[in-house]
Protein backbone atom coordinates (compact mmCIF):
# COMPACT_ATOMS: atom_id res chain seq x y z
CA MET A 1 0.00 0.00 0.00
CA LYS A 2 1.03 3.62 -0.41
CA LEU A 3 0.54 6.58 1.92
CA LEU A 4 1.66 10.20 2.08
CA ARG A 5 4.71 11.54 3.91
CA THR A 6 5.68 15.16 4.33
CA ILE A 7 8.71 16.36 2.41
CA ARG A 8 10.71 19.57 2.63
CA LEU A 9 12.71 20.50 -0.45
CA ASP A 10 13.76 23.85 1.01
CA PRO A 11 13.16 25.76 4.27
CA SER A 12 10.17 27.75 2.93
CA ASP A 13 7.55 25.82 4.96
CA THR A 14 9.19 27.10 8.14
CA PHE A 15 8.46 30.66 7.00
CA VAL A 16 5.09 30.10 5.31
CA PHE A 17 3.31 28.20 8.09
CA GLU A 18 2.93 28.94 11.79
CA SER A 19 4.03 25.37 12.45
CA ALA A 20 5.86 23.40 9.75
CA ALA A 21 5.69 19.62 9.66
CA GLU A 22 8.93 17.76 10.07
CA PRO A 23 10.11 15.96 6.93
CA GLY A 24 9.00 12.33 6.83
CA GLU A 25 5.82 12.56 8.94
CA TRP A 26 2.77 10.63 7.85
CA ALA A 27 0.38 13.14 6.33
CA VAL A 28 -3.30 13.68 5.63
CA SER A 29 -5.11 16.44 3.81
CA GLY A 30 -5.93 18.18 7.09
CA SER A 31 -8.92 20.22 5.93
CA PHE A 32 -10.79 19.10 9.08
CA VAL A 33 -8.60 21.54 11.04
CA PHE A 34 -10.58 24.39 9.43
CA TRP A 35 -14.04 22.85 9.92
CA ASN A 36 -15.22 25.49 12.41
CA ASP A 37 -13.31 28.42 10.89
CA ASP A 38 -14.57 31.03 8.49
CA PRO A 39 -12.09 30.58 5.62
CA MET A 40 -12.79 34.11 4.40
CA ALA A 41 -11.57 35.48 7.76
CA LEU A 42 -8.31 33.54 7.84
CA GLU A 43 -5.16 35.62 7.59
CA GLY A 44 -1.42 35.21 7.29
CA LYS A 45 0.12 31.87 8.06
CA THR A 46 -3.20 30.27 8.97
CA ARG A 47 -4.57 31.28 5.58
CA ALA A 48 -1.46 29.82 3.91
CA ALA A 49 -2.07 26.50 5.71
CA PHE A 50 -5.71 26.53 4.61
CA ARG A 51 -4.87 27.28 1.00
CA GLY A 52 -1.96 24.93 0.45
CA GLY A 53 -0.96 22.73 3.37
CA PHE A 54 -0.97 19.03 4.17
CA LEU A 55 -1.11 18.12 7.85
CA GLY A 56 1.71 16.09 9.39
CA VAL A 57 0.06 13.87 11.99
CA GLN A 58 2.94 13.75 14.48
CA THR A 59 3.50 17.50 14.97
CA LEU A 60 0.22 18.80 13.47
CA GLY A 61 2.49 21.02 11.39
CA TRP A 62 1.94 21.87 7.74
CA SER A 63 3.79 20.85 4.60
CA THR A 64 3.43 22.34 1.12
CA LEU A 65 4.26 19.02 -0.51
CA VAL A 66 3.83 15.37 0.33
CA GLN A 67 5.45 12.37 -1.27
CA ILE A 68 3.80 9.08 -2.12
CA VAL A 69 5.69 6.29 -0.35
CA GLU A 70 5.30 2.55 0.15
CA ALA A 71 3.88 1.71 3.58
CA SER A 72 3.11 -1.44 5.50
CA GLU A 73 -0.13 -2.24 7.30
CA ASP A 74 1.73 -1.66 10.57
CA ASP A 75 2.74 1.82 9.32
CA ARG A 76 -0.89 2.59 8.48
CA LEU A 77 -2.18 1.38 11.84
CA ALA A 78 0.49 3.35 13.74
CA ALA A 79 -0.34 6.50 11.76
CA ILE A 80 -4.06 6.06 12.44
CA ASP A 81 -3.33 5.57 16.15
CA MET A 82 -1.16 8.71 16.23
CA LEU A 83 -3.81 10.83 14.49
CA ALA A 84 -6.58 9.43 16.71
CA LYS A 85 -4.61 10.44 19.81
CA GLN A 86 -4.13 13.94 18.34
CA LEU A 87 -7.86 14.17 17.61
CA ILE A 88 -8.59 13.41 21.28
CA ALA A 89 -5.88 15.66 22.75
CA ARG A 90 -5.99 18.65 20.40
CA PHE A 91 -9.42 18.63 18.76
CA GLY A 92 -11.68 17.29 21.51
CA ALA A 93 -12.94 14.14 19.80
CA PRO A 94 -15.73 12.76 22.01
CA SER A 95 -14.32 9.21 22.29
CA ILE A 96 -11.41 7.08 21.15
CA ALA A 97 -13.78 5.12 18.90
CA ASP A 98 -14.86 8.33 17.17
CA ALA A 99 -11.26 9.49 16.88
CA VAL A 100 -10.11 6.18 15.37
CA ALA A 101 -13.00 6.22 12.88
CA ALA A 102 -12.15 9.79 11.84
CA ALA A 103 -8.42 8.96 11.56
CA GLU A 104 -9.18 5.88 9.45
CA GLU A 105 -11.30 8.03 7.14
CA GLU A 106 -8.52 10.62 6.81
CA PHE A 107 -5.96 7.96 5.93
CA ALA A 108 -8.32 6.22 3.51
CA PHE A 109 -8.69 9.54 1.69
CA ALA A 110 -4.92 10.10 1.76
CA ALA A 111 -4.38 6.60 0.34
CA SER A 112 -6.86 7.37 -2.45
CA LEU A 113 -4.49 10.11 -3.62
CA CYS A 114 -1.66 7.58 -3.98
CA THR A 115 -2.52 6.09 -7.38
CA PRO A 116 0.53 7.65 -9.11
CA PRO A 117 3.88 5.86 -8.68
CA ALA A 118 5.84 6.04 -5.42
CA ASP A 119 8.04 9.15 -5.08
CA THR A 120 5.48 11.33 -6.87
CA LEU A 121 4.92 14.64 -5.08
CA ILE A 122 1.45 16.03 -4.45
CA ALA A 123 0.38 19.62 -3.80
CA VAL A 124 -3.04 20.82 -2.65
CA HIS A 125 -5.01 23.99 -3.32
CA ARG A 126 -7.98 24.59 -1.02
CA THR A 127 -10.80 27.02 -1.62
CA HIS A 128 -14.07 27.85 0.07
CA GLU A 129 -17.03 27.76 -2.33
CA ASP A 130 -20.76 27.69 -1.62
CA GLY A 131 -20.15 27.09 2.08
CA GLU A 132 -17.88 24.09 1.47
CA ILE A 133 -14.14 23.49 1.50
CA ARG A 134 -12.96 22.22 -1.88
CA GLU A 135 -9.59 20.66 -2.53
CA ALA A 136 -7.74 20.33 -5.82
CA PHE A 137 -4.65 18.12 -5.96
CA ARG A 138 -1.73 18.26 -8.37
CA THR A 139 0.88 15.62 -8.92
CA LEU A 140 4.45 16.59 -9.62
CA ARG A 141 7.01 14.14 -10.86
CA PRO A 142 10.35 14.41 -12.55
CA LYS A 143 10.08 14.70 -16.30
CA ASP A 144 11.27 11.54 -18.05
CA GLY A 145 11.18 9.34 -14.94
CA PRO A 146 12.47 9.34 -11.36
CA LYS A 147 15.47 11.51 -10.52
CA PRO A 148 16.83 12.92 -7.28
CA LEU A 149 14.69 15.92 -6.37
CA ARG A 150 16.22 19.34 -5.87
CA ALA A 151 14.44 22.43 -4.65
CA PHE A 152 14.33 23.93 -8.16
CA ALA A 153 13.86 20.91 -10.41
CA PHE A 154 11.57 21.10 -13.44
CA LEU A 155 8.51 18.96 -12.95
CA GLU A 156 5.51 17.91 -14.97
CA VAL A 157 2.24 18.94 -13.32
CA GLU A 158 -0.86 16.82 -13.64
CA GLY A 159 -4.23 17.65 -12.16
CA GLU A 160 -6.34 20.71 -11.95
CA GLU A 161 -6.15 23.42 -14.56
CA GLU A 162 -4.12 26.53 -13.86
CA LEU A 163 -5.21 28.36 -10.72
CA GLU A 164 -7.10 31.57 -11.30
CA GLU A 165 -5.12 33.67 -8.87
CA HIS A 166 -3.15 36.58 -10.28
CA VAL A 167 -0.86 39.11 -8.66
CA ASP A 168 -0.27 42.48 -10.31
CA LEU A 169 3.33 43.19 -9.33
CA THR A 170 3.24 46.65 -10.86
CA THR A 171 0.37 47.78 -8.67
CA LEU A 172 1.81 46.00 -5.66
CA GLY A 173 5.13 47.79 -6.09
CA LYS A 174 3.45 51.20 -6.40
CA SER A 175 1.40 50.74 -3.23
CA GLU A 176 4.55 50.29 -1.13
CA THR A 177 6.23 53.53 -2.24
């Protein structure tokens, strides 16, 4: 079976997110963290986590990218157990049975993203539309087969169409002077 692990190609996650996941943590989408938040009111690093972060289950830190890796059943069960304990301790899950069920669901969803080959990277883009959180996932893999990844490698992107977010650097530059 395959699951998701956090990966850090450069130190940017430590600047982008309030709490960055450590490289190599088991990861889930993490959108449940924002269940009771108004996404339109999120700002700064919390907004960055909402828009483009995967949740590392050990630290509850965020990672811009995750990597598809081979995992054993024991790995899956340990990751579920770790997330269930976090759901009790940090999110107030009403019982261990509820926490385990929620953690199993999170990891089942994460595993469903693992159809590409191992070592493929995945990025997420979250939006809030019609009162719901929507997630779009992109796969990134080295062009022409597996290669060692560097922070600025050229990758093929598969998944959602180009994001509709634009920044006008000219206007941005004028507003700061």
